[in-house]
N, C-alpha and C. Protein backbone atom coordinates (compact mmCIF):
# COMPACT_ATOMS: atom_id res chain seq x y z
N GLN A 1 -4.62 -13.89 8.68
CA GLN A 1 -4.28 -13.07 9.82
C GLN A 1 -3.54 -11.81 9.39
N VAL A 2 -3.26 -11.66 8.12
CA VAL A 2 -2.53 -10.50 7.62
C VAL A 2 -3.54 -9.45 7.18
N ARG A 3 -3.29 -8.20 7.56
CA ARG A 3 -4.15 -7.11 7.11
C ARG A 3 -3.35 -5.83 7.16
N GLY A 4 -3.51 -4.99 6.18
CA GLY A 4 -2.81 -3.71 6.16
C GLY A 4 -2.48 -3.30 4.75
N LEU A 5 -1.45 -2.49 4.62
CA LEU A 5 -1.08 -1.98 3.30
C LEU A 5 -0.62 -3.08 2.36
N CYS A 6 -0.23 -4.23 2.88
CA CYS A 6 0.16 -5.35 2.03
C CYS A 6 -1.04 -6.22 1.65
N GLY A 7 -2.24 -5.86 2.08
CA GLY A 7 -3.44 -6.62 1.75
C GLY A 7 -3.76 -7.65 2.81
N THR A 8 -4.69 -8.54 2.48
CA THR A 8 -5.15 -9.55 3.43
C THR A 8 -4.51 -10.91 3.18
N PHE A 9 -3.96 -11.11 2.00
CA PHE A 9 -3.26 -12.33 1.62
C PHE A 9 -4.16 -13.56 1.75
N THR A 10 -5.44 -13.39 1.39
CA THR A 10 -6.37 -14.51 1.42
C THR A 10 -6.59 -15.13 0.05
N GLY A 11 -6.07 -14.47 -0.98
CA GLY A 11 -6.31 -14.93 -2.34
C GLY A 11 -7.59 -14.34 -2.94
N ASP A 12 -8.38 -13.66 -2.11
CA ASP A 12 -9.62 -13.02 -2.57
C ASP A 12 -9.32 -11.55 -2.83
N LYS A 13 -9.23 -11.17 -4.09
CA LYS A 13 -8.86 -9.80 -4.45
C LYS A 13 -9.90 -8.78 -4.02
N ARG A 14 -11.10 -9.22 -3.72
CA ARG A 14 -12.16 -8.28 -3.34
C ARG A 14 -11.93 -7.69 -1.95
N ASP A 15 -11.12 -8.32 -1.11
CA ASP A 15 -10.92 -7.77 0.23
C ASP A 15 -9.50 -7.22 0.45
N GLU A 16 -8.76 -7.02 -0.61
CA GLU A 16 -7.38 -6.54 -0.47
C GLU A 16 -7.30 -5.11 0.03
N PHE A 17 -8.32 -4.29 -0.22
CA PHE A 17 -8.29 -2.89 0.21
C PHE A 17 -9.08 -2.72 1.50
N THR A 18 -8.90 -3.60 2.48
CA THR A 18 -9.58 -3.50 3.76
C THR A 18 -8.86 -2.49 4.64
N THR A 19 -9.60 -1.50 5.14
CA THR A 19 -9.04 -0.43 5.96
C THR A 19 -8.89 -0.90 7.42
N PRO A 20 -8.20 -0.12 8.24
CA PRO A 20 -8.08 -0.48 9.65
C PRO A 20 -9.44 -0.61 10.35
N GLU A 21 -10.44 0.09 9.84
CA GLU A 21 -11.78 0.02 10.43
C GLU A 21 -12.58 -1.18 9.93
N GLY A 22 -12.02 -1.93 8.97
CA GLY A 22 -12.70 -3.10 8.44
C GLY A 22 -13.52 -2.84 7.20
N ASP A 23 -13.53 -1.59 6.71
CA ASP A 23 -14.24 -1.26 5.47
C ASP A 23 -13.41 -1.70 4.28
N VAL A 24 -14.06 -2.02 3.18
CA VAL A 24 -13.35 -2.36 1.95
C VAL A 24 -13.51 -1.18 0.99
N GLU A 25 -12.40 -0.54 0.66
CA GLU A 25 -12.42 0.62 -0.24
C GLU A 25 -12.34 0.15 -1.69
N PRO A 26 -13.05 0.81 -2.59
CA PRO A 26 -13.02 0.41 -3.99
C PRO A 26 -11.79 0.90 -4.74
N GLY A 27 -11.13 1.94 -4.24
CA GLY A 27 -9.99 2.50 -4.97
C GLY A 27 -8.74 2.61 -4.12
N VAL A 28 -7.62 2.74 -4.80
CA VAL A 28 -6.31 2.79 -4.14
C VAL A 28 -6.16 4.05 -3.27
N ALA A 29 -6.59 5.21 -3.78
CA ALA A 29 -6.38 6.46 -3.04
C ALA A 29 -7.14 6.45 -1.71
N ALA A 30 -8.41 6.05 -1.73
CA ALA A 30 -9.19 6.02 -0.50
C ALA A 30 -8.60 5.00 0.48
N PHE A 31 -8.12 3.89 -0.03
CA PHE A 31 -7.49 2.87 0.82
C PHE A 31 -6.22 3.42 1.47
N ALA A 32 -5.36 4.03 0.67
CA ALA A 32 -4.11 4.58 1.20
C ALA A 32 -4.38 5.70 2.20
N ASN A 33 -5.36 6.54 1.92
CA ASN A 33 -5.69 7.63 2.84
C ASN A 33 -6.20 7.11 4.19
N ALA A 34 -6.78 5.92 4.22
CA ALA A 34 -7.26 5.35 5.48
C ALA A 34 -6.10 5.03 6.42
N PHE A 35 -4.90 4.83 5.88
CA PHE A 35 -3.73 4.51 6.69
C PHE A 35 -2.86 5.75 6.95
N ARG A 36 -3.24 6.87 6.37
CA ARG A 36 -2.43 8.09 6.47
C ARG A 36 -2.53 8.67 7.87
N ALA A 37 -1.39 9.05 8.44
CA ALA A 37 -1.38 9.74 9.73
C ALA A 37 -1.77 11.19 9.48
N ALA A 38 -2.79 11.65 10.17
CA ALA A 38 -3.31 13.01 9.97
C ALA A 38 -2.19 14.03 10.11
N GLY A 39 -2.05 14.88 9.12
CA GLY A 39 -1.05 15.93 9.14
C GLY A 39 0.34 15.49 8.73
N ALA A 40 0.58 14.20 8.61
CA ALA A 40 1.92 13.72 8.29
C ALA A 40 2.26 13.93 6.81
N CYS A 41 1.28 13.84 5.96
CA CYS A 41 1.50 14.02 4.54
C CYS A 41 0.15 14.35 3.89
N PRO A 42 0.17 14.94 2.70
CA PRO A 42 -1.10 15.28 2.05
C PRO A 42 -1.87 14.04 1.63
N ALA A 43 -3.19 14.14 1.63
CA ALA A 43 -4.03 13.04 1.18
C ALA A 43 -3.85 12.82 -0.32
N LEU A 44 -3.96 11.58 -0.74
CA LEU A 44 -3.88 11.26 -2.16
C LEU A 44 -5.17 11.69 -2.85
N GLY A 45 -5.03 12.19 -4.05
CA GLY A 45 -6.18 12.51 -4.87
C GLY A 45 -6.58 11.30 -5.68
N PRO A 46 -7.49 11.49 -6.63
CA PRO A 46 -7.95 10.33 -7.41
C PRO A 46 -6.86 9.72 -8.30
N GLY A 47 -5.90 10.52 -8.74
CA GLY A 47 -4.82 9.99 -9.57
C GLY A 47 -3.69 9.49 -8.69
N ILE A 48 -3.08 8.39 -9.04
CA ILE A 48 -1.98 7.83 -8.24
C ILE A 48 -0.66 8.37 -8.78
N PRO A 49 0.10 9.09 -7.95
CA PRO A 49 1.38 9.62 -8.42
C PRO A 49 2.41 8.49 -8.57
N ASP A 50 3.31 8.67 -9.48
CA ASP A 50 4.39 7.70 -9.67
C ASP A 50 5.43 7.95 -8.58
N PRO A 51 5.65 6.99 -7.68
CA PRO A 51 6.58 7.21 -6.57
C PRO A 51 8.01 7.47 -7.02
N CYS A 52 8.38 7.01 -8.18
CA CYS A 52 9.75 7.22 -8.66
C CYS A 52 9.98 8.69 -9.01
N HIS A 53 8.92 9.41 -9.39
CA HIS A 53 9.06 10.83 -9.69
C HIS A 53 9.15 11.65 -8.41
N GLY A 54 8.45 11.25 -7.37
CA GLY A 54 8.45 11.98 -6.12
C GLY A 54 9.68 11.75 -5.27
N PHE A 55 10.33 10.63 -5.46
CA PHE A 55 11.49 10.27 -4.66
C PHE A 55 12.62 9.77 -5.55
N PRO A 56 13.23 10.66 -6.32
CA PRO A 56 14.30 10.22 -7.22
C PRO A 56 15.46 9.60 -6.44
N GLY A 57 16.03 8.55 -7.00
CA GLY A 57 17.14 7.88 -6.36
C GLY A 57 16.74 6.79 -5.39
N SER A 58 15.44 6.61 -5.17
CA SER A 58 14.99 5.61 -4.21
C SER A 58 14.60 4.28 -4.85
N ARG A 59 14.71 4.19 -6.16
CA ARG A 59 14.29 2.98 -6.86
C ARG A 59 15.03 1.75 -6.35
N GLU A 60 16.34 1.86 -6.15
CA GLU A 60 17.12 0.71 -5.71
C GLU A 60 16.67 0.25 -4.33
N ARG A 61 16.42 1.20 -3.42
CA ARG A 61 15.97 0.85 -2.07
C ARG A 61 14.59 0.20 -2.12
N ALA A 62 13.71 0.71 -2.97
CA ALA A 62 12.37 0.13 -3.11
C ALA A 62 12.44 -1.28 -3.69
N GLU A 63 13.29 -1.49 -4.69
CA GLU A 63 13.42 -2.82 -5.27
C GLU A 63 13.97 -3.82 -4.26
N ALA A 64 14.89 -3.38 -3.40
CA ALA A 64 15.44 -4.26 -2.36
C ALA A 64 14.36 -4.62 -1.34
N ALA A 65 13.52 -3.64 -0.97
CA ALA A 65 12.44 -3.91 -0.02
C ALA A 65 11.41 -4.86 -0.63
N CYS A 66 11.09 -4.67 -1.90
CA CYS A 66 10.14 -5.56 -2.56
C CYS A 66 10.70 -6.97 -2.69
N ALA A 67 12.00 -7.08 -2.88
CA ALA A 67 12.62 -8.40 -2.98
C ALA A 67 12.43 -9.18 -1.69
N VAL A 68 12.47 -8.50 -0.55
CA VAL A 68 12.23 -9.17 0.73
C VAL A 68 10.79 -9.66 0.79
N LEU A 69 9.84 -8.82 0.39
CA LEU A 69 8.42 -9.21 0.41
C LEU A 69 8.12 -10.36 -0.55
N MET A 70 8.86 -10.42 -1.64
CA MET A 70 8.66 -11.48 -2.62
C MET A 70 9.50 -12.71 -2.34
N GLY A 71 10.35 -12.62 -1.30
CA GLY A 71 11.29 -13.69 -0.99
C GLY A 71 10.66 -14.82 -0.16
N PRO A 72 11.49 -15.74 0.28
CA PRO A 72 11.04 -16.93 0.98
C PRO A 72 10.32 -16.65 2.29
N ALA A 73 10.61 -15.57 2.96
CA ALA A 73 9.96 -15.29 4.25
C ALA A 73 8.46 -15.10 4.11
N PHE A 74 8.00 -14.68 2.95
CA PHE A 74 6.58 -14.42 2.73
C PHE A 74 5.92 -15.40 1.78
N GLN A 75 6.58 -16.51 1.47
CA GLN A 75 6.00 -17.49 0.55
C GLN A 75 5.16 -18.50 1.30
């Protein structure tokens, strides 16, 4: 029942990049762009930027958010 930027959580890696329209994208950039709000931010190109370079100082906040996703609530 899970679908979105966190994947489908079915254990099948082939459907992890399912877009809101139900299409399965082969690459990360096309998948991420499917969730992008038009005009809110630039579309991703073929290369994936390192988020730590674009948002210096946010590593600690990102690690805390990932710890929640990896914690007992999602096991």
